[in-house]
Amino acid sequence: MGNQIRLWDVNSCQTSWTLPHDPYLRALAFSPCGKYLASGVWWNRSVETEKVPIRLWEVATGENIATFWGHPTDVQDLAFSPDGALLASGSFDGTILLWDLKSVIGS
C-alpha cells in the first residue's frame, strides 16, 4: 500500500486508479489542465542508477507516458509552467532542471 499512487474520486469515495511506484516517492504535481501527474523520488542507493527518475502519468488512463532522468540525487519539488509545456524539477543538490513536455504531450 505504501508503494502506490492512488487517485480518488471524491464523489464516490472510491479509488479511480492505483499505480505501483517507488517506495521513495517524494514529490507530486498535477499539470494545470489536470490531465497529467508528475512524480519524483528520493535517490535510493540500493538501486544501481546514477540518476533519479521523474515520471509523467496520464491521469485518465494511469499510463506512465514518459520518464525523465537528470538529477543525481533526491527530487525535492516539481512544478508545471502555467501553460503545461514545461516541467521544473528541483533536486536536493540545489539544481533545477526544465523538461520540455511538448514532444510528450503535444503543444
PDB file of N, CA and C in Angstrom:
ATOM      1  N   MET A   1       0.816  -1.193   0.000  1.00  0.00           N
ATOM      2  CA  MET A   1       0.000   0.000   0.000  1.00  0.00           C
ATOM      3  C   MET A   1       0.863   1.263   0.000  1.00  0.00           C
ATOM      4  N   GLY A   2       2.039   1.235   0.636  1.00  0.00           N
ATOM      5  CA  GLY A   2       2.906   2.386   0.681  1.00  0.00           C
ATOM      6  C   GLY A   2       3.648   2.622  -0.612  1.00  0.00           C
ATOM      7  N   ASN A   3       3.625   1.668  -1.531  1.00  0.00           N
ATOM      8  CA  ASN A   3       4.337   1.805  -2.790  1.00  0.00           C
ATOM      9  C   ASN A   3       3.384   2.092  -3.931  1.00  0.00           C
ATOM     10  N   GLN A   4       2.377   2.917  -3.671  1.00  0.00           N
ATOM     11  CA  GLN A   4       1.367   3.192  -4.672  1.00  0.00           C
ATOM     12  C   GLN A   4       1.007   4.665  -4.696  1.00  0.00           C
ATOM     13  N   ILE A   5       0.620   5.102  -5.870  1.00  0.00           N
ATOM     14  CA  ILE A   5      -0.047   6.393  -6.017  1.00  0.00           C
ATOM     15  C   ILE A   5      -1.504   6.047  -6.260  1.00  0.00           C
ATOM     16  N   ARG A   6      -2.396   6.632  -5.477  1.00  0.00           N
ATOM     17  CA  ARG A   6      -3.830   6.382  -5.638  1.00  0.00           C
ATOM     18  C   ARG A   6      -4.537   7.681  -5.983  1.00  0.00           C
ATOM     19  N   LEU A   7      -5.370   7.612  -6.998  1.00  0.00           N
ATOM     20  CA  LEU A   7      -6.203   8.742  -7.364  1.00  0.00           C
ATOM     21  C   LEU A   7      -7.625   8.408  -6.936  1.00  0.00           C
ATOM     22  N   TRP A   8      -8.176   9.284  -6.113  1.00  0.00           N
ATOM     23  CA  TRP A   8      -9.505   9.038  -5.543  1.00  0.00           C
ATOM     24  C   TRP A   8     -10.552   9.893  -6.235  1.00  0.00           C
ATOM     25  N   ASP A   9     -11.738   9.311  -6.431  1.00  0.00           N
ATOM     26  CA  ASP A   9     -12.901  10.034  -6.917  1.00  0.00           C
ATOM     27  C   ASP A   9     -13.601  10.594  -5.677  1.00  0.00           C
ATOM     28  N   VAL A  10     -13.613  11.898  -5.530  1.00  0.00           N
ATOM     29  CA  VAL A  10     -14.171  12.498  -4.316  1.00  0.00           C
ATOM     30  C   VAL A  10     -15.686  12.351  -4.218  1.00  0.00           C
ATOM     31  N   ASN A  11     -16.360  12.163  -5.338  1.00  0.00           N
ATOM     32  CA  ASN A  11     -17.817  11.989  -5.308  1.00  0.00           C
ATOM     33  C   ASN A  11     -18.216  10.610  -4.791  1.00  0.00           C
ATOM     34  N   SER A  12     -17.490   9.581  -5.228  1.00  0.00           N
ATOM     35  CA  SER A  12     -17.843   8.218  -4.832  1.00  0.00           C
ATOM     36  C   SER A  12     -17.002   7.691  -3.671  1.00  0.00           C
ATOM     37  N   CYS A  13     -15.951   8.432  -3.325  1.00  0.00           N
ATOM     38  CA  CYS A  13     -15.005   7.994  -2.288  1.00  0.00           C
ATOM     39  C   CYS A  13     -14.359   6.652  -2.638  1.00  0.00           C
ATOM     40  N   GLN A  14     -14.187   6.410  -3.928  1.00  0.00           N
ATOM     41  CA  GLN A  14     -13.560   5.187  -4.420  1.00  0.00           C
ATOM     42  C   GLN A  14     -12.254   5.534  -5.132  1.00  0.00           C
ATOM     43  N   THR A  15     -11.365   4.561  -5.183  1.00  0.00           N
ATOM     44  CA  THR A  15     -10.120   4.740  -5.904  1.00  0.00           C
ATOM     45  C   THR A  15     -10.389   4.679  -7.400  1.00  0.00           C
ATOM     46  N   SER A  16      -9.973   5.714  -8.142  1.00  0.00           N
ATOM     47  CA  SER A  16     -10.126   5.729  -9.598  1.00  0.00           C
ATOM     48  C   SER A  16      -9.082   4.836 -10.252  1.00  0.00           C
ATOM     49  N   TRP A  17      -7.834   4.983  -9.806  1.00  0.00           N
ATOM     50  CA  TRP A  17      -6.765   4.096 -10.262  1.00  0.00           C
ATOM     51  C   TRP A  17      -5.641   4.085  -9.248  1.00  0.00           C
ATOM     52  N   THR A  18      -4.879   3.025  -9.317  1.00  0.00           N
ATOM     53  CA  THR A  18      -3.734   2.849  -8.428  1.00  0.00           C
ATOM     54  C   THR A  18      -2.529   2.518  -9.275  1.00  0.00           C
ATOM     55  N   LEU A  19      -1.424   3.202  -9.015  1.00  0.00           N
ATOM     56  CA  LEU A  19      -0.196   2.962  -9.761  1.00  0.00           C
ATOM     57  C   LEU A  19       0.879   2.432  -8.835  1.00  0.00           C
ATOM     58  N   PRO A  20       1.582   1.403  -9.274  1.00  0.00           N
ATOM     59  CA  PRO A  20       2.740   0.990  -8.479  1.00  0.00           C
ATOM     60  C   PRO A  20       3.788   2.089  -8.580  1.00  0.00           C
ATOM     61  N   HIS A  21       4.501   2.348  -7.516  1.00  0.00           N
ATOM     62  CA  HIS A  21       5.527   3.382  -7.552  1.00  0.00           C
ATOM     63  C   HIS A  21       6.632   3.051  -6.581  1.00  0.00           C
ATOM     64  N   ASP A  22       7.734   3.655  -6.815  1.00  0.00           N
ATOM     65  CA  ASP A  22       8.900   3.521  -5.958  1.00  0.00           C
ATOM     66  C   ASP A  22       8.528   3.880  -4.518  1.00  0.00           C
ATOM     67  N   PRO A  23       9.005   3.114  -3.542  1.00  0.00           N
ATOM     68  CA  PRO A  23       8.684   3.432  -2.151  1.00  0.00           C
ATOM     69  C   PRO A  23       9.313   4.735  -1.674  1.00  0.00           C
ATOM     70  N   TYR A  24      10.189   5.314  -2.469  1.00  0.00           N
ATOM     71  CA  TYR A  24      10.861   6.552  -2.088  1.00  0.00           C
ATOM     72  C   TYR A  24      10.207   7.778  -2.728  1.00  0.00           C
ATOM     73  N   LEU A  25       8.914   7.695  -3.033  1.00  0.00           N
ATOM     74  CA  LEU A  25       8.179   8.801  -3.632  1.00  0.00           C
ATOM     75  C   LEU A  25       8.350  10.053  -2.782  1.00  0.00           C
ATOM     76  N   ARG A  26       8.684  11.155  -3.427  1.00  0.00           N
ATOM     77  CA  ARG A  26       8.969  12.389  -2.698  1.00  0.00           C
ATOM     78  C   ARG A  26       8.118  13.578  -3.149  1.00  0.00           C
ATOM     79  N   ALA A  27       7.888  13.700  -4.467  1.00  0.00           N
ATOM     80  CA  ALA A  27       7.227  14.900  -4.982  1.00  0.00           C
ATOM     81  C   ALA A  27       6.163  14.524  -6.007  1.00  0.00           C
ATOM     82  N   LEU A  28       5.056  15.264  -5.975  1.00  0.00           N
ATOM     83  CA  LEU A  28       3.960  15.090  -6.935  1.00  0.00           C
ATOM     84  C   LEU A  28       3.490  16.458  -7.405  1.00  0.00           C
ATOM     85  N   ALA A  29       3.049  16.544  -8.660  1.00  0.00           N
ATOM     86  CA  ALA A  29       2.455  17.780  -9.172  1.00  0.00           C
ATOM     87  C   ALA A  29       1.491  17.441 -10.298  1.00  0.00           C
ATOM     88  N   PHE A  30       0.303  18.046 -10.262  1.00  0.00           N
ATOM     89  CA  PHE A  30      -0.651  17.930 -11.363  1.00  0.00           C
ATOM     90  C   PHE A  30      -0.402  19.055 -12.356  1.00  0.00           C
ATOM     91  N   SER A  31      -0.587  18.749 -13.634  1.00  0.00           N
ATOM     92  CA  SER A  31      -0.482  19.775 -14.674  1.00  0.00           C
ATOM     93  C   SER A  31      -1.663  20.739 -14.528  1.00  0.00           C
ATOM     94  N   PRO A  32      -1.538  21.974 -15.035  1.00  0.00           N
ATOM     95  CA  PRO A  32      -2.637  22.942 -14.928  1.00  0.00           C
ATOM     96  C   PRO A  32      -3.941  22.449 -15.550  1.00  0.00           C
ATOM     97  N   CYS A  33      -3.853  21.650 -16.601  1.00  0.00           N
ATOM     98  CA  CYS A  33      -5.066  21.136 -17.251  1.00  0.00           C
ATOM     99  C   CYS A  33      -5.655  19.943 -16.505  1.00  0.00           C
ATOM    100  N   GLY A  34      -4.899  19.363 -15.563  1.00  0.00           N
ATOM    101  CA  GLY A  34      -5.373  18.224 -14.792  1.00  0.00           C
ATOM    102  C   GLY A  34      -5.249  16.885 -15.498  1.00  0.00           C
ATOM    103  N   LYS A  35      -4.685  16.873 -16.703  1.00  0.00           N
ATOM    104  CA  LYS A  35      -4.574  15.626 -17.464  1.00  0.00           C
ATOM    105  C   LYS A  35      -3.333  14.807 -17.101  1.00  0.00           C
ATOM    106  N   TYR A  36      -2.351  15.437 -16.453  1.00  0.00           N
ATOM    107  CA  TYR A  36      -1.070  14.774 -16.199  1.00  0.00           C
ATOM    108  C   TYR A  36      -0.649  14.930 -14.747  1.00  0.00           C
ATOM    109  N   LEU A  37       0.067  13.928 -14.275  1.00  0.00           N
ATOM    110  CA  LEU A  37       0.622  13.930 -12.927  1.00  0.00           C
ATOM    111  C   LEU A  37       2.108  13.606 -13.048  1.00  0.00           C
ATOM    112  N   ALA A  38       2.937  14.422 -12.435  1.00  0.00           N
ATOM    113  CA  ALA A  38       4.381  14.168 -12.420  1.00  0.00           C
ATOM    114  C   ALA A  38       4.750  13.669 -11.029  1.00  0.00           C
ATOM    115  N   SER A  39       5.689  12.718 -10.980  1.00  0.00           N
ATOM    116  CA  SER A  39       6.148  12.194  -9.691  1.00  0.00           C
ATOM    117  C   SER A  39       7.660  12.072  -9.700  1.00  0.00           C
ATOM    118  N   GLY A  40       8.252  12.360  -8.548  1.00  0.00           N
ATOM    119  CA  GLY A  40       9.706  12.255  -8.385  1.00  0.00           C
ATOM    120  C   GLY A  40      10.027  11.539  -7.086  1.00  0.00           C
ATOM    121  N   VAL A  41      11.224  10.987  -6.993  1.00  0.00           N
ATOM    122  CA  VAL A  41      11.593  10.142  -5.850  1.00  0.00           C
ATOM    123  C   VAL A  41      12.903  10.597  -5.207  1.00  0.00           C
ATOM    124  N   TRP A  42      13.145  10.059  -4.011  1.00  0.00           N
ATOM    125  CA  TRP A  42      14.445  10.187  -3.360  1.00  0.00           C
ATOM    126  C   TRP A  42      15.429   9.297  -4.080  1.00  0.00           C
ATOM    127  N   TRP A  43      16.684   9.649  -4.000  1.00  0.00           N
ATOM    128  CA  TRP A  43      17.733   8.775  -4.515  1.00  0.00           C
ATOM    129  C   TRP A  43      17.795   7.552  -3.611  1.00  0.00           C
ATOM    130  N   ASN A  44      17.913   6.372  -4.227  1.00  0.00           N
ATOM    131  CA  ASN A  44      17.931   5.115  -3.486  1.00  0.00           C
ATOM    132  C   ASN A  44      19.264   4.429  -3.764  1.00  0.00           C
ATOM    133  N   ARG A  45      20.131   4.402  -2.790  1.00  0.00           N
ATOM    134  CA  ARG A  45      21.467   3.851  -3.018  1.00  0.00           C
ATOM    135  C   ARG A  45      21.475   2.351  -3.281  1.00  0.00           C
ATOM    136  N   SER A  46      20.372   1.655  -2.969  1.00  0.00           N
ATOM    137  CA  SER A  46      20.324   0.216  -3.231  1.00  0.00           C
ATOM    138  C   SER A  46      20.031  -0.095  -4.698  1.00  0.00           C
ATOM    139  N   VAL A  47      19.594   0.923  -5.456  1.00  0.00           N
ATOM    140  CA  VAL A  47      19.311   0.742  -6.877  1.00  0.00           C
ATOM    141  C   VAL A  47      20.522   1.236  -7.668  1.00  0.00           C
ATOM    142  N   GLU A  48      20.928   0.450  -8.630  1.00  0.00           N
ATOM    143  CA  GLU A  48      22.129   0.760  -9.408  1.00  0.00           C
ATOM    144  C   GLU A  48      21.840   1.759 -10.532  1.00  0.00           C
ATOM    145  N   THR A  49      21.520   3.007 -10.193  1.00  0.00           N
ATOM    146  CA  THR A  49      21.339   4.042 -11.205  1.00  0.00           C
ATOM    147  C   THR A  49      22.117   5.274 -10.784  1.00  0.00           C
ATOM    148  N   GLU A  50      22.535   6.038 -11.771  1.00  0.00           N
ATOM    149  CA  GLU A  50      23.252   7.278 -11.492  1.00  0.00           C
ATOM    150  C   GLU A  50      22.305   8.470 -11.436  1.00  0.00           C
ATOM    151  N   LYS A  51      21.095   8.287 -11.925  1.00  0.00           N
ATOM    152  CA  LYS A  51      20.114   9.369 -11.972  1.00  0.00           C
ATOM    153  C   LYS A  51      18.811   8.911 -11.324  1.00  0.00           C
ATOM    154  N   VAL A  52      18.027   9.879 -10.890  1.00  0.00           N
ATOM    155  CA  VAL A  52      16.751   9.618 -10.217  1.00  0.00           C
ATOM    156  C   VAL A  52      15.609   9.859 -11.214  1.00  0.00           C
ATOM    157  N   PRO A  53      14.617   8.958 -11.285  1.00  0.00           N
ATOM    158  CA  PRO A  53      13.547   9.127 -12.279  1.00  0.00           C
ATOM    159  C   PRO A  53      12.483  10.139 -11.865  1.00  0.00           C
ATOM    160  N   ILE A  54      11.995  10.835 -12.872  1.00  0.00           N
ATOM    161  CA  ILE A  54      10.792  11.656 -12.765  1.00  0.00           C
ATOM    162  C   ILE A  54       9.830  11.059 -13.780  1.00  0.00           C
ATOM    163  N   ARG A  55       8.650  10.678 -13.319  1.00  0.00           N
ATOM    164  CA  ARG A  55       7.698  10.021 -14.205  1.00  0.00           C
ATOM    165  C   ARG A  55       6.518  10.948 -14.490  1.00  0.00           C
ATOM    166  N   LEU A  56       6.042  10.873 -15.733  1.00  0.00           N
ATOM    167  CA  LEU A  56       4.866  11.628 -16.145  1.00  0.00           C
ATOM    168  C   LEU A  56       3.758  10.627 -16.440  1.00  0.00           C
ATOM    169  N   TRP A  57       2.627  10.807 -15.753  1.00  0.00           N
ATOM    170  CA  TRP A  57       1.488   9.884 -15.851  1.00  0.00           C
ATOM    171  C   TRP A  57       0.330  10.592 -16.522  1.00  0.00           C
ATOM    172  N   GLU A  58      -0.431   9.836 -17.317  1.00  0.00           N
ATOM    173  CA  GLU A  58      -1.691  10.334 -17.858  1.00  0.00           C
ATOM    174  C   GLU A  58      -2.785   9.986 -16.852  1.00  0.00           C
ATOM    175  N   VAL A  59      -3.456  10.987 -16.338  1.00  0.00           N
ATOM    176  CA  VAL A  59      -4.429  10.785 -15.257  1.00  0.00           C
ATOM    177  C   VAL A  59      -5.598   9.908 -15.695  1.00  0.00           C
ATOM    178  N   ALA A  60      -6.112  10.114 -16.900  1.00  0.00           N
ATOM    179  CA  ALA A  60      -7.298   9.372 -17.354  1.00  0.00           C
ATOM    180  C   ALA A  60      -7.060   7.866 -17.430  1.00  0.00           C
ATOM    181  N   THR A  61      -5.839   7.476 -17.799  1.00  0.00           N
ATOM    182  CA  THR A  61      -5.552   6.050 -18.002  1.00  0.00           C
ATOM    183  C   THR A  61      -4.624   5.446 -16.955  1.00  0.00           C
ATOM    184  N   GLY A  62      -3.884   6.297 -16.239  1.00  0.00           N
ATOM    185  CA  GLY A  62      -2.886   5.799 -15.293  1.00  0.00           C
ATOM    186  C   GLY A  62      -1.616   5.317 -15.977  1.00  0.00           C
ATOM    187  N   GLU A  63      -1.456   5.637 -17.258  1.00  0.00           N
ATOM    188  CA  GLU A  63      -0.292   5.193 -18.025  1.00  0.00           C
ATOM    189  C   GLU A  63       0.912   6.101 -17.777  1.00  0.00           C
ATOM    190  N   ASN A  64       2.085   5.491 -17.569  1.00  0.00           N
ATOM    191  CA  ASN A  64       3.348   6.231 -17.472  1.00  0.00           C
ATOM    192  C   ASN A  64       3.770   6.569 -18.902  1.00  0.00           C
ATOM    193  N   ILE A  65       3.577   7.827 -19.302  1.00  0.00           N
ATOM    194  CA  ILE A  65       3.818   8.195 -20.696  1.00  0.00           C
ATOM    195  C   ILE A  65       5.243   8.679 -20.951  1.00  0.00           C
ATOM    196  N   ALA A  66       5.982   9.008 -19.900  1.00  0.00           N
ATOM    197  CA  ALA A  66       7.379   9.426 -20.077  1.00  0.00           C
ATOM    198  C   ALA A  66       8.112   9.294 -18.747  1.00  0.00           C
ATOM    199  N   THR A  67       9.408   9.031 -18.844  1.00  0.00           N
ATOM    200  CA  THR A  67      10.284   9.031 -17.674  1.00  0.00           C
ATOM    201  C   THR A  67      11.498   9.868 -18.017  1.00  0.00           C
ATOM    202  N   PHE A  68      11.825  10.805 -17.141  1.00  0.00           N
ATOM    203  CA  PHE A  68      12.950  11.707 -17.344  1.00  0.00           C
ATOM    204  C   PHE A  68      14.043  11.379 -16.323  1.00  0.00           C
ATOM    205  N   TRP A  69      15.274  11.375 -16.784  1.00  0.00           N
ATOM    206  CA  TRP A  69      16.430  11.074 -15.935  1.00  0.00           C
ATOM    207  C   TRP A  69      17.397  12.242 -16.006  1.00  0.00           C
ATOM    208  N   GLY A  70      17.697  12.874 -14.888  1.00  0.00           N
ATOM    209  CA  GLY A  70      18.617  14.006 -14.926  1.00  0.00           C
ATOM    210  C   GLY A  70      19.272  14.316 -13.595  1.00  0.00           C
ATOM    211  N   HIS A  71      18.507  14.203 -12.508  1.00  0.00           N
ATOM    212  CA  HIS A  71      19.052  14.540 -11.191  1.00  0.00           C
ATOM    213  C   HIS A  71      19.843  13.370 -10.604  1.00  0.00           C
ATOM    214  N   PRO A  72      21.004  13.655 -10.034  1.00  0.00           N
ATOM    215  CA  PRO A  72      21.783  12.592  -9.403  1.00  0.00           C
ATOM    216  C   PRO A  72      21.385  12.334  -7.953  1.00  0.00           C
ATOM    217  N   THR A  73      20.447  13.113  -7.430  1.00  0.00           N
ATOM    218  CA  THR A  73      20.014  12.949  -6.044  1.00  0.00           C
ATOM    219  C   THR A  73      18.531  13.311  -5.918  1.00  0.00           C
ATOM    220  N   ASP A  74      17.998  13.239  -4.704  1.00  0.00           N
ATOM    221  CA  ASP A  74      16.561  13.374  -4.432  1.00  0.00           C
ATOM    222  C   ASP A  74      15.873  14.493  -5.210  1.00  0.00           C
ATOM    223  N   VAL A  75      14.720  14.154  -5.798  1.00  0.00           N
ATOM    224  CA  VAL A  75      13.850  15.161  -6.395  1.00  0.00           C
ATOM    225  C   VAL A  75      13.007  15.719  -5.251  1.00  0.00           C
ATOM    226  N   GLN A  76      13.167  16.986  -4.967  1.00  0.00           N
ATOM    227  CA  GLN A  76      12.506  17.621  -3.837  1.00  0.00           C
ATOM    228  C   GLN A  76      11.187  18.297  -4.216  1.00  0.00           C
ATOM    229  N   ASP A  77      11.088  18.762  -5.465  1.00  0.00           N
ATOM    230  CA  ASP A  77       9.896  19.513  -5.852  1.00  0.00           C
ATOM    231  C   ASP A  77       9.676  19.431  -7.355  1.00  0.00           C
ATOM    232  N   LEU A  78       8.427  19.534  -7.751  1.00  0.00           N
ATOM    233  CA  LEU A  78       8.026  19.535  -9.152  1.00  0.00           C
ATOM    234  C   LEU A  78       6.994  20.630  -9.363  1.00  0.00           C
ATOM    235  N   ALA A  79       7.045  21.298 -10.522  1.00  0.00           N
ATOM    236  CA  ALA A  79       6.045  22.321 -10.851  1.00  0.00           C
ATOM    237  C   ALA A  79       5.911  22.431 -12.362  1.00  0.00           C
ATOM    238  N   PHE A  80       4.678  22.533 -12.822  1.00  0.00           N
ATOM    239  CA  PHE A  80       4.405  22.746 -14.236  1.00  0.00           C
ATOM    240  C   PHE A  80       4.341  24.240 -14.508  1.00  0.00           C
ATOM    241  N   SER A  81       4.721  24.636 -15.721  1.00  0.00           N
ATOM    242  CA  SER A  81       4.514  26.016 -16.148  1.00  0.00           C
ATOM    243  C   SER A  81       3.006  26.229 -16.315  1.00  0.00           C
ATOM    244  N   PRO A  82       2.538  27.484 -16.276  1.00  0.00           N
ATOM    245  CA  PRO A  82       1.100  27.737 -16.399  1.00  0.00           C
ATOM    246  C   PRO A  82       0.462  27.157 -17.656  1.00  0.00           C
ATOM    247  N   ASP A  83       1.227  27.077 -18.759  1.00  0.00           N
ATOM    248  CA  ASP A  83       0.669  26.507 -19.993  1.00  0.00           C
ATOM    249  C   ASP A  83       0.879  24.997 -20.081  1.00  0.00           C
ATOM    250  N   GLY A  84       1.561  24.397 -19.108  1.00  0.00           N
ATOM    251  CA  GLY A  84       1.776  22.953 -19.074  1.00  0.00           C
ATOM    252  C   GLY A  84       2.832  22.445 -20.038  1.00  0.00           C
ATOM    253  N   ALA A  85       3.539  23.343 -20.710  1.00  0.00           N
ATOM    254  CA  ALA A  85       4.531  22.932 -21.707  1.00  0.00           C
ATOM    255  C   ALA A  85       5.887  22.577 -21.085  1.00  0.00           C
ATOM    256  N   LEU A  86       6.137  23.042 -19.872  1.00  0.00           N
ATOM    257  CA  LEU A  86       7.400  22.765 -19.182  1.00  0.00           C
ATOM    258  C   LEU A  86       7.134  22.179 -17.806  1.00  0.00           C
ATOM    259  N   LEU A  87       8.034  21.312 -17.386  1.00  0.00           N
ATOM    260  CA  LEU A  87       8.023  20.784 -16.031  1.00  0.00           C
ATOM    261  C   LEU A  87       9.346  21.178 -15.398  1.00  0.00           C
ATOM    262  N   ALA A  88       9.298  21.805 -14.239  1.00  0.00           N
ATOM    263  CA  ALA A  88      10.511  22.154 -13.499  1.00  0.00           C
ATOM    264  C   ALA A  88      10.677  21.145 -12.371  1.00  0.00           C
ATOM    265  N   SER A  89      11.914  20.690 -12.187  1.00  0.00           N
ATOM    266  CA  SER A  89      12.205  19.778 -11.085  1.00  0.00           C
ATOM    267  C   SER A  89      13.380  20.333 -10.289  1.00  0.00           C
ATOM    268  N   GLY A  90      13.239  20.305  -8.970  1.00  0.00           N
ATOM    269  CA  GLY A  90      14.295  20.773  -8.081  1.00  0.00           C
ATOM    270  C   GLY A  90      14.843  19.608  -7.292  1.00  0.00           C
ATOM    271  N   SER A  91      16.168  19.581  -7.147  1.00  0.00           N
ATOM    272  CA  SER A  91      16.833  18.455  -6.501  1.00  0.00           C
ATOM    273  C   SER A  91      17.505  18.881  -5.198  1.00  0.00           C
ATOM    274  N   PHE A  92      17.784  17.905  -4.356  1.00  0.00           N
ATOM    275  CA  PHE A  92      18.461  18.121  -3.082  1.00  0.00           C
ATOM    276  C   PHE A  92      19.818  18.791  -3.273  1.00  0.00           C
ATOM    277  N   ASP A  93      20.465  18.542  -4.411  1.00  0.00           N
ATOM    278  CA  ASP A  93      21.786  19.128  -4.656  1.00  0.00           C
ATOM    279  C   ASP A  93      21.719  20.587  -5.089  1.00  0.00           C
ATOM    280  N   GLY A  94      20.511  21.156  -5.159  1.00  0.00           N
ATOM    281  CA  GLY A  94      20.339  22.560  -5.499  1.00  0.00           C
ATOM    282  C   GLY A  94      20.114  22.836  -6.972  1.00  0.00           C
ATOM    283  N   THR A  95      20.128  21.809  -7.815  1.00  0.00           N
ATOM    284  CA  THR A  95      19.901  22.037  -9.245  1.00  0.00           C
ATOM    285  C   THR A  95      18.412  22.069  -9.557  1.00  0.00           C
ATOM    286  N   ILE A  96      18.092  22.847 -10.567  1.00  0.00           N
ATOM    287  CA  ILE A  96      16.737  22.905 -11.105  1.00  0.00           C
ATOM    288  C   ILE A  96      16.852  22.557 -12.587  1.00  0.00           C
ATOM    289  N   LEU A  97      16.061  21.602 -13.027  1.00  0.00           N
ATOM    290  CA  LEU A  97      16.044  21.215 -14.433  1.00  0.00           C
ATOM    291  C   LEU A  97      14.684  21.545 -15.020  1.00  0.00           C
ATOM    292  N   LEU A  98      14.669  21.957 -16.281  1.00  0.00           N
ATOM    293  CA  LEU A  98      13.434  22.221 -17.001  1.00  0.00           C
ATOM    294  C   LEU A  98      13.271  21.157 -18.073  1.00  0.00           C
ATOM    295  N   TRP A  99      12.091  20.559 -18.111  1.00  0.00           N
ATOM    296  CA  TRP A  99      11.788  19.490 -19.045  1.00  0.00           C
ATOM    297  C   TRP A  99      10.755  19.997 -20.047  1.00  0.00           C
ATOM    298  N   ASP A 100      11.087  19.948 -21.340  1.00  0.00           N
ATOM    299  CA  ASP A 100      10.167  20.366 -22.394  1.00  0.00           C
ATOM    300  C   ASP A 100       9.204  19.213 -22.659  1.00  0.00           C
ATOM    301  N   LEU A 101       7.931  19.428 -22.380  1.00  0.00           N
ATOM    302  CA  LEU A 101       6.930  18.375 -22.494  1.00  0.00           C
ATOM    303  C   LEU A 101       6.206  18.366 -23.831  1.00  0.00           C
ATOM    304  N   LYS A 102       6.504  19.308 -24.710  1.00  0.00           N
ATOM    305  CA  LYS A 102       5.768  19.410 -25.981  1.00  0.00           C
ATOM    306  C   LYS A 102       5.837  18.130 -26.803  1.00  0.00           C
ATOM    307  N   SER A 103       6.986  17.485 -26.819  1.00  0.00           N
ATOM    308  CA  SER A 103       7.117  16.260 -27.623  1.00  0.00           C
ATOM    309  C   SER A 103       6.376  15.071 -26.988  1.00  0.00           C
ATOM    310  N   VAL A 104       6.093  15.173 -25.699  1.00  0.00           N
ATOM    311  CA  VAL A 104       5.430  14.092 -24.986  1.00  0.00           C
ATOM    312  C   VAL A 104       3.911  14.257 -24.986  1.00  0.00           C
ATOM    313  N   ILE A 105       3.446  15.475 -24.711  1.00  0.00           N
ATOM    314  CA  ILE A 105       2.006  15.698 -24.577  1.00  0.00           C
ATOM    315  C   ILE A 105       1.424  16.562 -25.695  1.00  0.00           C
ATOM    316  N   GLY A 106       2.235  16.972 -26.640  1.00  0.00           N
ATOM    317  CA  GLY A 106       1.770  17.844 -27.702  1.00  0.00           C
ATOM    318  C   GLY A 106       1.859  19.294 -27.278  1.00  0.00           C
ATOM    319  N   SER A 107       1.443  20.172 -28.144  1.00  0.00           N
ATOM    320  CA  SER A 107       1.565  21.604 -27.830  1.00  0.00           C
ATOM    321  C   SER A 107       0.299  22.175 -27.258  1.00  0.00           C
TER     322      SER A 107
END
